[in-house]
Amino acid sequence: MATPHLDPVSTSGDLRPPVTVTFVGAGAIGLPMARRLAAAGFDVTAVDPSPQTRTRVEEAGLKAAPDIASVSLGDVVVVMVATGGQLLETVATASARGSLAGQTWVIGSTVGPKDGRVAGERLTEAGAQVVDAPVLGGVPGAEKGALRILAAGSRQALERVRELFRPLGQVAEVGDEPGQGQAFKVVNQLCSSVHLAAAAEALSLASSLGLDPARVVPVISGSSGSSWFLEDRGPRMAAPTEPDEVLTRLAILAKDNALVVQEAEQAGARIPLARAAAGQYQQAVEQGLLELDDSQIIRTYRAAQ
């Protein structure tokens, strides 16, 4: 595996830059990514089965299609679907149409190392180049072009998509094979899913001690007990009113926490903290909180008080 390093993304003059992009999955993160690519001059067609999502795509000035079988595939195919099953189904549908030679596929979804490897193998067999590139930064990062892209692939494949990644954020090259980007993302999501639950637990403790969580957040922020999640989500956790804005759905970290547990079990890794956090995500499921902003995991602690 290549040593990870951050790459500011420069254009190589050795390859013709990609022009057309088929973007599969135009949800909360996918649509702003597709918009930024279009604004950078790429010819983007967004594919999504949801009529409501396709309406938002068209309102954003992009071309929309209901499925990958109904469009001509672009120079690059970016896949931002929700699950490994959806990724493999997308790959199977495209491969059934014939050779994928000349195309570069970017696996932007968080699906785990196994599905990332399998998808990469099938795409390579069909003639495509593959970059495994799950992203960090959520909806705000996608909208601002401030994602961190965990890219793994051959040198040629990575060169092929450097210009494509430029408007999306910063690239961390983490390996040379599909599945390696997914492995890095799993490690990150263990930290993220535990840190979110820890921030909520800390503010719940503050309330139990008679403290105002809204005062606790700025005091603890920047200290040894802080985290990015406490500083970013803490103010929304501490707000006395129920927030309407959903920046990142709780369902995303709940899904990723479950993926962490699954991958750890297969690898024989000990993850007691991730398993403890899984209990809070399960409570969130039972309380019907998954479509709320992820800061609202705090409600799983309030329910227990």
C-alpha atoms as a PDB file:
ATOM      1  CA  MET A   1       0.000   0.000   0.000  1.00  0.00           C
ATOM      2  CA  ALA A   2       1.300   3.456  -0.855  1.00  0.00           C
ATOM      3  CA  THR A   3       2.159   5.819   2.000  1.00  0.00           C
ATOM      4  CA  PRO A   4      -0.768   8.260   2.431  1.00  0.00           C
ATOM      5  CA  HIS A   5      -0.073  11.851   1.498  1.00  0.00           C
ATOM      6  CA  LEU A   6      -2.143  14.901   0.754  1.00  0.00           C
ATOM      7  CA  ASP A   7      -2.112  16.060  -2.826  1.00  0.00           C
ATOM      8  CA  PRO A   8      -3.217  19.585  -3.801  1.00  0.00           C
ATOM      9  CA  VAL A   9      -4.389  18.122  -7.135  1.00  0.00           C
ATOM     10  CA  SER A  10      -2.464  19.390 -10.100  1.00  0.00           C
ATOM     11  CA  THR A  11      -3.222  18.635 -13.722  1.00  0.00           C
ATOM     12  CA  SER A  12      -0.979  16.301 -15.658  1.00  0.00           C
ATOM     13  CA  GLY A  13      -0.514  17.229 -19.276  1.00  0.00           C
ATOM     14  CA  ASP A  14       0.074  13.625 -20.291  1.00  0.00           C
ATOM     15  CA  LEU A  15      -3.587  12.583 -20.427  1.00  0.00           C
ATOM     16  CA  ARG A  16      -6.640  14.064 -22.055  1.00  0.00           C
ATOM     17  CA  PRO A  17      -8.735  15.375 -19.152  1.00  0.00           C
ATOM     18  CA  PRO A  18     -12.189  13.835 -18.786  1.00  0.00           C
ATOM     19  CA  VAL A  19     -15.011  15.906 -20.212  1.00  0.00           C
ATOM     20  CA  THR A  20     -18.246  13.983 -19.661  1.00  0.00           C
ATOM     21  CA  VAL A  21     -19.315  12.676 -16.263  1.00  0.00           C
ATOM     22  CA  THR A  22     -22.081  10.261 -15.361  1.00  0.00           C
ATOM     23  CA  PHE A  23     -22.863  10.877 -11.692  1.00  0.00           C
ATOM     24  CA  VAL A  24     -24.790   7.991 -10.104  1.00  0.00           C
ATOM     25  CA  GLY A  25     -26.540   8.991  -6.880  1.00  0.00           C
ATOM     26  CA  ALA A  26     -27.560  12.643  -6.594  1.00  0.00           C
ATOM     27  CA  GLY A  27     -28.553  12.717  -2.936  1.00  0.00           C
ATOM     28  CA  ALA A  28     -27.583  15.137  -0.190  1.00  0.00           C
ATOM     29  CA  ILE A  29     -23.845  14.801  -0.868  1.00  0.00           C
ATOM     30  CA  GLY A  30     -23.966  13.725  -4.509  1.00  0.00           C
ATOM     31  CA  LEU A  31     -25.972  16.648  -5.873  1.00  0.00           C
ATOM     32  CA  PRO A  32     -23.669  19.414  -4.603  1.00  0.00           C
ATOM     33  CA  MET A  33     -20.701  17.433  -5.902  1.00  0.00           C
ATOM     34  CA  ALA A  34     -22.353  17.133  -9.311  1.00  0.00           C
ATOM     35  CA  ARG A  35     -23.168  20.848  -9.292  1.00  0.00           C
ATOM     36  CA  ARG A  36     -19.572  21.766  -8.575  1.00  0.00           C
ATOM     37  CA  LEU A  37     -18.350  19.554 -11.419  1.00  0.00           C
ATOM     38  CA  ALA A  38     -20.813  21.198 -13.819  1.00  0.00           C
ATOM     39  CA  ALA A  39     -19.734  24.651 -12.653  1.00  0.00           C
ATOM     40  CA  ALA A  40     -16.129  23.642 -13.372  1.00  0.00           C
ATOM     41  CA  GLY A  41     -17.020  22.904 -16.992  1.00  0.00           C
ATOM     42  CA  PHE A  42     -17.729  19.173 -17.002  1.00  0.00           C
ATOM     43  CA  ASP A  43     -20.714  17.863 -18.950  1.00  0.00           C
ATOM     44  CA  VAL A  44     -22.597  16.130 -16.116  1.00  0.00           C
ATOM     45  CA  THR A  45     -25.559  13.776 -16.253  1.00  0.00           C
ATOM     46  CA  ALA A  46     -26.916  12.825 -12.833  1.00  0.00           C
ATOM     47  CA  VAL A  47     -28.578   9.427 -12.430  1.00  0.00           C
ATOM     48  CA  ASP A  48     -31.011   8.819  -9.596  1.00  0.00           C
ATOM     49  CA  PRO A  49     -34.141   6.626  -9.311  1.00  0.00           C
ATOM     50  CA  SER A  50     -36.014   9.185  -7.180  1.00  0.00           C
ATOM     51  CA  PRO A  51     -38.309  11.509  -9.173  1.00  0.00           C
ATOM     52  CA  GLN A  52     -38.002  14.143  -6.446  1.00  0.00           C
ATOM     53  CA  THR A  53     -34.227  14.014  -6.634  1.00  0.00           C
ATOM     54  CA  ARG A  54     -34.258  14.235 -10.419  1.00  0.00           C
ATOM     55  CA  THR A  55     -36.444  17.323 -10.134  1.00  0.00           C
ATOM     56  CA  ARG A  56     -33.832  18.923  -7.861  1.00  0.00           C
ATOM     57  CA  VAL A  57     -31.144  17.917 -10.355  1.00  0.00           C
ATOM     58  CA  GLU A  58     -32.981  19.625 -13.198  1.00  0.00           C
ATOM     59  CA  GLU A  59     -33.690  22.690 -11.069  1.00  0.00           C
ATOM     60  CA  ALA A  60     -29.934  22.905 -10.551  1.00  0.00           C
ATOM     61  CA  GLY A  61     -29.503  23.063 -14.317  1.00  0.00           C
ATOM     62  CA  LEU A  62     -28.148  19.547 -14.790  1.00  0.00           C
ATOM     63  CA  LYS A  63     -29.308  16.693 -16.978  1.00  0.00           C
ATOM     64  CA  ALA A  64     -31.081  13.887 -15.112  1.00  0.00           C
ATOM     65  CA  ALA A  65     -31.788  10.227 -15.839  1.00  0.00           C
ATOM     66  CA  PRO A  66     -33.634   7.551 -13.838  1.00  0.00           C
ATOM     67  CA  ASP A  67     -31.108   4.739 -14.256  1.00  0.00           C
ATOM     68  CA  ILE A  68     -27.694   4.003 -15.686  1.00  0.00           C
ATOM     69  CA  ALA A  69     -29.121   1.797 -18.425  1.00  0.00           C
ATOM     70  CA  SER A  70     -30.858   4.798 -20.018  1.00  0.00           C
ATOM     71  CA  VAL A  71     -27.782   6.999 -20.571  1.00  0.00           C
ATOM     72  CA  SER A  72     -24.546   6.930 -22.503  1.00  0.00           C
ATOM     73  CA  LEU A  73     -21.775   6.563 -19.962  1.00  0.00           C
ATOM     74  CA  GLY A  74     -19.307   9.418 -19.699  1.00  0.00           C
ATOM     75  CA  ASP A  75     -15.523   9.523 -19.656  1.00  0.00           C
ATOM     76  CA  VAL A  76     -15.855   9.194 -15.878  1.00  0.00           C
ATOM     77  CA  VAL A  77     -18.589   7.472 -13.888  1.00  0.00           C
ATOM     78  CA  VAL A  78     -18.824   8.656 -10.276  1.00  0.00           C
ATOM     79  CA  VAL A  79     -20.856   6.389  -7.989  1.00  0.00           C
ATOM     80  CA  MET A  80     -22.296   7.954  -4.813  1.00  0.00           C
ATOM     81  CA  VAL A  81     -24.963   5.406  -3.844  1.00  0.00           C
ATOM     82  CA  ALA A  82     -25.887   4.388  -0.297  1.00  0.00           C
ATOM     83  CA  THR A  83     -24.918   0.708  -0.059  1.00  0.00           C
ATOM     84  CA  GLY A  84     -22.545  -1.903  -1.389  1.00  0.00           C
ATOM     85  CA  GLY A  85     -25.462  -3.745  -2.951  1.00  0.00           C
ATOM     86  CA  GLN A  86     -26.431  -0.666  -4.948  1.00  0.00           C
ATOM     87  CA  LEU A  87     -22.825  -0.213  -6.080  1.00  0.00           C
ATOM     88  CA  LEU A  88     -22.551  -3.811  -7.299  1.00  0.00           C
ATOM     89  CA  GLU A  89     -25.929  -3.557  -9.029  1.00  0.00           C
ATOM     90  CA  THR A  90     -24.755  -0.402 -10.820  1.00  0.00           C
ATOM     91  CA  VAL A  91     -21.562  -2.143 -11.925  1.00  0.00           C
ATOM     92  CA  ALA A  92     -23.501  -5.198 -13.139  1.00  0.00           C
ATOM     93  CA  THR A  93     -25.936  -3.065 -15.156  1.00  0.00           C
ATOM     94  CA  ALA A  94     -23.123  -1.131 -16.812  1.00  0.00           C
ATOM     95  CA  SER A  95     -21.030  -4.240 -17.514  1.00  0.00           C
ATOM     96  CA  ALA A  96     -23.988  -5.988 -19.125  1.00  0.00           C
ATOM     97  CA  ARG A  97     -23.976  -3.330 -21.831  1.00  0.00           C
ATOM     98  CA  GLY A  98     -20.520  -4.366 -23.032  1.00  0.00           C
ATOM     99  CA  SER A  99     -16.948  -3.211 -22.665  1.00  0.00           C
ATOM    100  CA  LEU A 100     -16.203  -0.274 -20.335  1.00  0.00           C
ATOM    101  CA  ALA A 101     -12.826   0.379 -21.977  1.00  0.00           C
ATOM    102  CA  GLY A 102     -11.879   4.057 -21.957  1.00  0.00           C
ATOM    103  CA  GLN A 103     -13.960   4.819 -18.868  1.00  0.00           C
ATOM    104  CA  THR A 104     -12.705   5.645 -15.397  1.00  0.00           C
ATOM    105  CA  TRP A 105     -14.977   4.743 -12.495  1.00  0.00           C
ATOM    106  CA  VAL A 106     -14.788   6.565  -9.170  1.00  0.00           C
ATOM    107  CA  ILE A 107     -16.275   4.701  -6.198  1.00  0.00           C
ATOM    108  CA  GLY A 108     -17.235   7.594  -3.938  1.00  0.00           C
ATOM    109  CA  SER A 109     -19.701   5.621  -1.834  1.00  0.00           C
ATOM    110  CA  THR A 110     -18.845   4.275   1.618  1.00  0.00           C
ATOM    111  CA  VAL A 111     -19.373   0.537   1.148  1.00  0.00           C
ATOM    112  CA  GLY A 112     -16.531  -1.212   2.970  1.00  0.00           C
ATOM    113  CA  PRO A 113     -13.313  -2.806   1.678  1.00  0.00           C
ATOM    114  CA  LYS A 114     -14.881  -6.071   0.457  1.00  0.00           C
ATOM    115  CA  ASP A 115     -17.516  -4.503  -1.802  1.00  0.00           C
ATOM    116  CA  GLY A 116     -14.962  -1.920  -2.942  1.00  0.00           C
ATOM    117  CA  ARG A 117     -12.580  -4.694  -4.002  1.00  0.00           C
ATOM    118  CA  VAL A 118     -15.293  -6.752  -5.703  1.00  0.00           C
ATOM    119  CA  ALA A 119     -16.609  -3.752  -7.619  1.00  0.00           C
ATOM    120  CA  GLY A 120     -13.068  -2.839  -8.630  1.00  0.00           C
ATOM    121  CA  GLU A 121     -12.350  -6.353  -9.899  1.00  0.00           C
ATOM    122  CA  ARG A 122     -15.542  -6.485 -11.947  1.00  0.00           C
ATOM    123  CA  LEU A 123     -14.979  -3.055 -13.447  1.00  0.00           C
ATOM    124  CA  THR A 124     -11.372  -3.896 -14.317  1.00  0.00           C
ATOM    125  CA  GLU A 125     -12.501  -7.114 -15.987  1.00  0.00           C
ATOM    126  CA  ALA A 126     -14.914  -5.014 -18.070  1.00  0.00           C
ATOM    127  CA  GLY A 127     -12.077  -2.777 -19.209  1.00  0.00           C
ATOM    128  CA  ALA A 128     -12.500   0.264 -16.956  1.00  0.00           C
ATOM    129  CA  GLN A 129      -9.934   2.009 -14.802  1.00  0.00           C
ATOM    130  CA  VAL A 130     -11.013   2.326 -11.162  1.00  0.00           C
ATOM    131  CA  VAL A 131     -10.365   4.799  -8.363  1.00  0.00           C
ATOM    132  CA  ASP A 132     -11.708   3.876  -4.944  1.00  0.00           C
ATOM    133  CA  ALA A 133     -12.397   7.308  -3.449  1.00  0.00           C
ATOM    134  CA  PRO A 134     -14.819   7.592  -0.512  1.00  0.00           C
ATOM    135  CA  VAL A 135     -15.114  11.130   0.800  1.00  0.00           C
ATOM    136  CA  LEU A 136     -14.965  12.892   4.159  1.00  0.00           C
ATOM    137  CA  GLY A 137     -16.677  16.188   4.936  1.00  0.00           C
ATOM    138  CA  GLY A 138     -20.383  15.482   4.537  1.00  0.00           C
ATOM    139  CA  VAL A 139     -22.862  17.882   3.004  1.00  0.00           C
ATOM    140  CA  PRO A 140     -21.036  21.078   4.082  1.00  0.00           C
ATOM    141  CA  GLY A 141     -17.801  19.800   2.543  1.00  0.00           C
ATOM    142  CA  ALA A 142     -19.571  18.826  -0.672  1.00  0.00           C
ATOM    143  CA  GLU A 143     -21.226  22.225  -0.986  1.00  0.00           C
ATOM    144  CA  LYS A 144     -18.024  24.167  -0.327  1.00  0.00           C
ATOM    145  CA  GLY A 145     -15.715  21.963  -2.382  1.00  0.00           C
ATOM    146  CA  ALA A 146     -13.869  21.089   0.819  1.00  0.00           C
ATOM    147  CA  LEU A 147     -14.127  17.303   0.839  1.00  0.00           C
ATOM    148  CA  ARG A 148     -11.187  15.082   1.667  1.00  0.00           C
ATOM    149  CA  ILE A 149     -11.070  12.369  -0.969  1.00  0.00           C
ATOM    150  CA  LEU A 150      -9.447   9.083   0.107  1.00  0.00           C
ATOM    151  CA  ALA A 151      -8.207   7.939  -3.280  1.00  0.00           C
ATOM    152  CA  ALA A 152      -6.748   4.526  -4.093  1.00  0.00           C
ATOM    153  CA  GLY A 153      -5.974   3.325  -7.592  1.00  0.00           C
ATOM    154  CA  SER A 154      -3.270   2.871 -10.176  1.00  0.00           C
ATOM    155  CA  ARG A 155      -1.078   5.826 -11.016  1.00  0.00           C
ATOM    156  CA  GLN A 156      -2.713   6.103 -14.428  1.00  0.00           C
ATOM    157  CA  ALA A 157      -6.228   6.034 -12.978  1.00  0.00           C
ATOM    158  CA  LEU A 158      -5.379   8.656 -10.364  1.00  0.00           C
ATOM    159  CA  GLU A 159      -3.842  10.920 -12.995  1.00  0.00           C
ATOM    160  CA  ARG A 160      -6.977  10.530 -15.069  1.00  0.00           C
ATOM    161  CA  VAL A 161      -9.209  12.058 -12.379  1.00  0.00           C
ATOM    162  CA  ARG A 162      -6.977  14.734 -10.859  1.00  0.00           C
ATOM    163  CA  GLU A 163      -8.708  17.530 -12.724  1.00  0.00           C
ATOM    164  CA  LEU A 164     -12.085  16.035 -11.848  1.00  0.00           C
ATOM    165  CA  PHE A 165     -11.264  16.107  -8.135  1.00  0.00           C
ATOM    166  CA  ARG A 166     -10.026  19.704  -8.198  1.00  0.00           C
ATOM    167  CA  PRO A 167     -13.441  21.410  -7.640  1.00  0.00           C
ATOM    168  CA  LEU A 168     -14.466  18.823  -5.032  1.00  0.00           C
ATOM    169  CA  GLY A 169     -11.708  19.162  -2.453  1.00  0.00           C
ATOM    170  CA  GLN A 170      -8.347  17.816  -1.366  1.00  0.00           C
ATOM    171  CA  VAL A 171      -7.055  14.389  -2.285  1.00  0.00           C
ATOM    172  CA  ALA A 172      -5.289  11.994   0.074  1.00  0.00           C
ATOM    173  CA  GLU A 173      -3.692   9.216  -1.984  1.00  0.00           C
ATOM    174  CA  VAL A 174      -3.980   6.176   0.293  1.00  0.00           C
ATOM    175  CA  GLY A 175      -3.234   3.158  -1.862  1.00  0.00           C
ATOM    176  CA  ASP A 176      -3.030   1.653  -5.309  1.00  0.00           C
ATOM    177  CA  GLU A 177      -5.920  -0.830  -5.236  1.00  0.00           C
ATOM    178  CA  PRO A 178      -9.705  -0.538  -4.868  1.00  0.00           C
ATOM    179  CA  GLY A 179     -10.751  -1.345  -1.321  1.00  0.00           C
ATOM    180  CA  GLN A 180      -7.895   0.548   0.296  1.00  0.00           C
ATOM    181  CA  GLY A 181      -9.754   3.855   0.241  1.00  0.00           C
ATOM    182  CA  GLN A 182     -12.699   2.070   1.830  1.00  0.00           C
ATOM    183  CA  ALA A 183     -10.456   0.696   4.597  1.00  0.00           C
ATOM    184  CA  PHE A 184      -9.242   4.193   5.461  1.00  0.00           C
ATOM    185  CA  LYS A 185     -12.839   5.409   5.508  1.00  0.00           C
ATOM    186  CA  VAL A 186     -13.862   2.616   7.918  1.00  0.00           C
ATOM    187  CA  VAL A 187     -11.122   3.695  10.334  1.00  0.00           C
ATOM    188  CA  ASN A 188     -12.275   7.305  10.073  1.00  0.00           C
ATOM    189  CA  GLN A 189     -15.894   6.357  10.626  1.00  0.00           C
ATOM    190  CA  LEU A 190     -15.025   4.434  13.789  1.00  0.00           C
ATOM    191  CA  CYS A 191     -13.610   7.694  15.154  1.00  0.00           C
ATOM    192  CA  SER A 192     -16.529   9.767  13.854  1.00  0.00           C
ATOM    193  CA  SER A 193     -19.303   7.520  15.146  1.00  0.00           C
ATOM    194  CA  VAL A 194     -17.680   7.220  18.580  1.00  0.00           C
ATOM    195  CA  HIS A 195     -16.827  10.920  18.837  1.00  0.00           C
ATOM    196  CA  LEU A 196     -20.398  11.966  18.013  1.00  0.00           C
ATOM    197  CA  ALA A 197     -21.789   9.700  20.728  1.00  0.00           C
ATOM    198  CA  ALA A 198     -19.097  10.848  23.188  1.00  0.00           C
ATOM    199  CA  ALA A 199     -19.963  14.505  22.599  1.00  0.00           C
ATOM    200  CA  ALA A 200     -23.637  13.805  23.249  1.00  0.00           C
ATOM    201  CA  GLU A 201     -22.772  11.784  26.360  1.00  0.00           C
ATOM    202  CA  ALA A 202     -20.588  14.588  27.716  1.00  0.00           C
ATOM    203  CA  LEU A 203     -23.315  17.205  27.302  1.00  0.00           C
ATOM    204  CA  SER A 204     -25.848  14.830  28.830  1.00  0.00           C
ATOM    205  CA  LEU A 205     -23.531  14.506  31.840  1.00  0.00           C
ATOM    206  CA  ALA A 206     -23.255  18.294  31.997  1.00  0.00           C
ATOM    207  CA  SER A 207     -27.050  18.561  32.242  1.00  0.00           C
ATOM    208  CA  SER A 208     -27.128  15.903  34.974  1.00  0.00           C
ATOM    209  CA  LEU A 209     -24.571  17.939  36.938  1.00  0.00           C
ATOM    210  CA  GLY A 210     -26.778  21.014  36.717  1.00  0.00           C
ATOM    211  CA  LEU A 211     -24.672  22.758  34.065  1.00  0.00           C
ATOM    212  CA  ASP A 212     -25.925  24.598  31.003  1.00  0.00           C
ATOM    213  CA  PRO A 213     -24.616  22.610  27.999  1.00  0.00           C
ATOM    214  CA  ALA A 214     -24.567  25.807  25.934  1.00  0.00           C
ATOM    215  CA  ARG A 215     -21.941  27.183  28.337  1.00  0.00           C
ATOM    216  CA  VAL A 216     -20.019  23.919  28.538  1.00  0.00           C
ATOM    217  CA  VAL A 217     -19.334  23.680  24.803  1.00  0.00           C
ATOM    218  CA  PRO A 218     -17.213  26.857  24.435  1.00  0.00           C
ATOM    219  CA  VAL A 219     -15.347  26.143  27.686  1.00  0.00           C
ATOM    220  CA  ILE A 220     -14.378  22.593  26.731  1.00  0.00           C
ATOM    221  CA  SER A 221     -13.741  23.418  23.056  1.00  0.00           C
ATOM    222  CA  GLY A 222     -10.042  23.600  22.339  1.00  0.00           C
ATOM    223  CA  SER A 223      -9.161  21.690  25.493  1.00  0.00           C
ATOM    224  CA  SER A 224      -7.814  18.163  25.863  1.00  0.00           C
ATOM    225  CA  GLY A 225     -11.383  16.888  26.238  1.00  0.00           C
ATOM    226  CA  SER A 226     -12.641  18.433  23.021  1.00  0.00           C
ATOM    227  CA  SER A 227     -13.205  16.943  19.578  1.00  0.00           C
ATOM    228  CA  TRP A 228     -14.241  18.215  16.192  1.00  0.00           C
ATOM    229  CA  PHE A 229     -17.711  16.783  16.822  1.00  0.00           C
ATOM    230  CA  LEU A 230     -18.079  18.522  20.181  1.00  0.00           C
ATOM    231  CA  GLU A 231     -17.085  21.843  18.666  1.00  0.00           C
ATOM    232  CA  ASP A 232     -19.201  21.469  15.515  1.00  0.00           C
ATOM    233  CA  ARG A 233     -22.246  19.525  16.745  1.00  0.00           C
ATOM    234  CA  GLY A 234     -22.138  20.590  20.393  1.00  0.00           C
ATOM    235  CA  PRO A 235     -23.954  23.925  19.904  1.00  0.00           C
ATOM    236  CA  ARG A 236     -26.806  22.135  18.113  1.00  0.00           C
ATOM    237  CA  MET A 237     -26.913  19.443  20.805  1.00  0.00           C
ATOM    238  CA  ALA A 238     -27.116  22.131  23.487  1.00  0.00           C
ATOM    239  CA  ALA A 239     -29.830  24.208  21.784  1.00  0.00           C
ATOM    240  CA  PRO A 240     -33.025  24.214  23.884  1.00  0.00           C
ATOM    241  CA  THR A 241     -35.243  24.259  20.798  1.00  0.00           C
ATOM    242  CA  GLU A 242     -35.530  21.369  18.369  1.00  0.00           C
ATOM    243  CA  PRO A 243     -33.519  22.279  15.258  1.00  0.00           C
ATOM    244  CA  ASP A 244     -35.220  21.992  11.891  1.00  0.00           C
ATOM    245  CA  GLU A 245     -32.051  22.172   9.814  1.00  0.00           C
ATOM    246  CA  VAL A 246     -30.527  18.849   8.801  1.00  0.00           C
ATOM    247  CA  LEU A 247     -26.902  19.260   7.810  1.00  0.00           C
ATOM    248  CA  THR A 248     -26.006  15.575   8.023  1.00  0.00           C
ATOM    249  CA  ARG A 249     -28.639  12.893   8.596  1.00  0.00           C
ATOM    250  CA  LEU A 250     -28.099  10.737  11.663  1.00  0.00           C
ATOM    251  CA  ALA A 251     -28.824   7.754   9.410  1.00  0.00           C
ATOM    252  CA  ILE A 252     -25.420   8.205   7.737  1.00  0.00           C
ATOM    253  CA  LEU A 253     -23.307   7.708  10.852  1.00  0.00           C
ATOM    254  CA  ALA A 254     -25.659   4.989  12.080  1.00  0.00           C
ATOM    255  CA  LYS A 255     -25.068   3.102   8.824  1.00  0.00           C
ATOM    256  CA  ASP A 256     -21.326   3.717   8.958  1.00  0.00           C
ATOM    257  CA  ASN A 257     -21.075   2.620  12.592  1.00  0.00           C
ATOM    258  CA  ALA A 258     -22.769  -0.645  11.624  1.00  0.00           C
ATOM    259  CA  LEU A 259     -20.291  -1.012   8.747  1.00  0.00           C
ATOM    260  CA  VAL A 260     -17.385  -0.464  11.161  1.00  0.00           C
ATOM    261  CA  VAL A 261     -18.680  -3.219  13.450  1.00  0.00           C
ATOM    262  CA  GLN A 262     -19.193  -5.572  10.509  1.00  0.00           C
ATOM    263  CA  GLU A 263     -15.728  -4.987   9.063  1.00  0.00           C
ATOM    264  CA  ALA A 264     -14.084  -5.295  12.488  1.00  0.00           C
ATOM    265  CA  GLU A 265     -15.804  -8.621  13.114  1.00  0.00           C
ATOM    266  CA  GLN A 266     -14.529  -9.954   9.798  1.00  0.00           C
ATOM    267  CA  ALA A 267     -11.008  -8.729  10.564  1.00  0.00           C
ATOM    268  CA  GLY A 268     -11.018 -10.034  14.139  1.00  0.00           C
ATOM    269  CA  ALA A 269     -10.414  -6.545  15.575  1.00  0.00           C
ATOM    270  CA  ARG A 270     -11.448  -5.481  19.094  1.00  0.00           C
ATOM    271  CA  ILE A 271     -13.700  -2.406  19.010  1.00  0.00           C
ATOM    272  CA  PRO A 272     -15.381  -2.036  22.423  1.00  0.00           C
ATOM    273  CA  LEU A 273     -15.970   1.710  22.010  1.00  0.00           C
ATOM    274  CA  ALA A 274     -17.552   1.340  18.569  1.00  0.00           C
ATOM    275  CA  ARG A 275     -19.815  -1.386  19.958  1.00  0.00           C
ATOM    276  CA  ALA A 276     -20.835   0.871  22.849  1.00  0.00           C
ATOM    277  CA  ALA A 277     -21.661   3.645  20.384  1.00  0.00           C
ATOM    278  CA  ALA A 278     -23.686   1.137  18.371  1.00  0.00           C
ATOM    279  CA  GLY A 279     -26.089   0.924  21.310  1.00  0.00           C
ATOM    280  CA  GLN A 280     -26.845   4.632  21.019  1.00  0.00           C
ATOM    281  CA  TYR A 281     -27.400   4.361  17.276  1.00  0.00           C
ATOM    282  CA  GLN A 282     -29.789   1.485  17.883  1.00  0.00           C
ATOM    283  CA  GLN A 283     -31.681   3.674  20.344  1.00  0.00           C
ATOM    284  CA  ALA A 284     -31.820   6.355  17.664  1.00  0.00           C
ATOM    285  CA  VAL A 285     -33.412   3.796  15.339  1.00  0.00           C
ATOM    286  CA  GLU A 286     -35.976   2.852  17.985  1.00  0.00           C
ATOM    287  CA  GLN A 287     -36.807   6.516  18.668  1.00  0.00           C
ATOM    288  CA  GLY A 288     -37.201   7.331  14.966  1.00  0.00           C
ATOM    289  CA  LEU A 289     -34.378   9.877  14.906  1.00  0.00           C
ATOM    290  CA  LEU A 290     -32.468   8.788  11.808  1.00  0.00           C
ATOM    291  CA  GLU A 291     -33.837  11.462   9.487  1.00  0.00           C
ATOM    292  CA  LEU A 292     -32.877  14.245  11.925  1.00  0.00           C
ATOM    293  CA  ASP A 293     -29.564  16.061  12.032  1.00  0.00           C
ATOM    294  CA  ASP A 294     -26.944  13.778  13.554  1.00  0.00           C
ATOM    295  CA  SER A 295     -26.492  16.169  16.484  1.00  0.00           C
ATOM    296  CA  GLN A 296     -29.853  14.918  17.682  1.00  0.00           C
ATOM    297  CA  ILE A 297     -28.326  11.675  18.916  1.00  0.00           C
ATOM    298  CA  ILE A 298     -28.372  13.711  22.151  1.00  0.00           C
ATOM    299  CA  ARG A 299     -32.046  12.733  22.413  1.00  0.00           C
ATOM    300  CA  THR A 300     -31.082   9.125  23.046  1.00  0.00           C
ATOM    301  CA  TYR A 301     -29.470  10.297  26.284  1.00  0.00           C
ATOM    302  CA  ARG A 302     -32.352  12.539  27.271  1.00  0.00           C
ATOM    303  CA  ALA A 303     -34.737   9.613  26.879  1.00  0.00           C
ATOM    304  CA  ALA A 304     -32.698   7.611  29.374  1.00  0.00           C
ATOM    305  CA  GLN A 305     -32.677  10.314  32.038  1.00  0.00           C
END
